[in-house]
Protein backbone atom coordinates (compact mmCIF):
# COMPACT_ATOMS: atom_id res chain seq x y z
CA MET A 1 -23.96 29.15 11.86
CA SER A 2 -25.55 25.93 13.08
CA SER A 3 -24.25 24.14 16.15
CA GLU A 4 -23.19 21.10 14.08
CA SER A 5 -21.10 23.30 11.78
CA ARG A 6 -19.57 25.04 14.78
CA LYS A 7 -18.60 21.70 16.32
CA LYS A 8 -17.05 20.50 13.06
CA VAL A 9 -14.99 23.67 12.64
CA LYS A 10 -13.82 23.55 16.26
CA MET A 11 -12.81 19.91 15.76
CA LEU A 12 -10.85 20.89 12.63
CA ILE A 13 -9.08 23.64 14.56
CA LEU A 14 -8.19 21.23 17.37
CA LEU A 15 -6.99 18.62 14.87
CA GLY A 16 -4.84 21.17 13.04
CA ILE A 17 -3.22 22.46 16.21
CA THR A 18 -2.54 18.90 17.40
CA THR A 19 -0.98 18.00 14.06
CA SER A 20 1.18 21.11 14.12
CA ILE A 21 2.41 20.25 17.62
CA ILE A 22 3.27 16.73 16.49
CA MET A 23 5.17 18.15 13.49
CA THR A 24 7.13 20.43 15.82
CA ILE A 25 8.10 17.49 18.04
CA PHE A 26 9.06 15.47 14.96
CA SER A 27 11.17 18.40 13.77
CA PHE A 28 13.12 18.45 17.04
CA MET A 29 13.68 14.70 16.75
CA LEU A 30 15.10 15.24 13.25
CA ILE A 31 17.39 18.00 14.52
CA PHE A 32 18.85 15.62 17.11
CA GLN A 33 19.44 13.09 14.32
CA GLU A 34 21.26 15.83 12.34
CA ARG A 35 18.81 15.76 9.45
CA TYR A 36 18.52 19.51 9.18
CA PHE A 37 16.84 19.76 5.77
CA TRP A 38 13.88 17.57 6.78
CA ALA A 39 13.72 19.25 10.16
CA ALA A 40 13.43 22.65 8.46
CA ILE A 41 10.67 21.40 6.17
CA SER A 42 8.80 19.94 9.14
CA MET A 43 9.15 23.17 11.14
CA ILE A 44 7.92 25.26 8.21
CA GLY A 45 4.89 22.96 7.89
CA ALA A 46 4.16 23.31 11.61
CA ILE A 47 4.38 27.11 11.44
CA VAL A 48 2.09 27.27 8.40
CA GLY A 49 -0.36 24.96 10.16
CA PHE A 50 -0.45 27.15 13.27
CA ILE A 51 -0.99 30.30 11.22
CA CYS A 52 -3.78 28.77 9.12
CA PHE A 53 -5.71 27.39 12.05
CA PHE A 54 -5.40 30.53 14.17
CA ARG A 55 -6.68 32.59 11.23
CA LEU A 56 -9.54 30.10 10.82
CA LYS A 57 -10.35 30.56 14.49
CA ILE A 58 -10.38 34.35 14.09
CA GLU A 59 -12.67 34.12 11.06
CA MET A 60 -14.97 31.75 12.93
CA ASN A 61 -15.25 34.27 15.79
CA LYS A 62 -16.13 37.00 13.27
CA VAL A 63 -18.90 34.85 11.80
CA GLU A 64 -20.30 33.99 15.24
CA ASN A 65 -20.40 37.65 16.27
CA LYS A 66 -22.52 38.69 13.26
């Protein structure tokens, strides 16, 4: 894998984790406003984002080790 591709993938991972953290914070703000349905949707999106980007990181490590 070229160094440019590695940098792009790492930037995508960082962007995804940052977005998931922002969604989690937004979810807590919605909970305090008693908008539970939208808070649940936001929390589910954050969890899915974390899972996807951690799996992407694992796959990237597998590719680098080959």
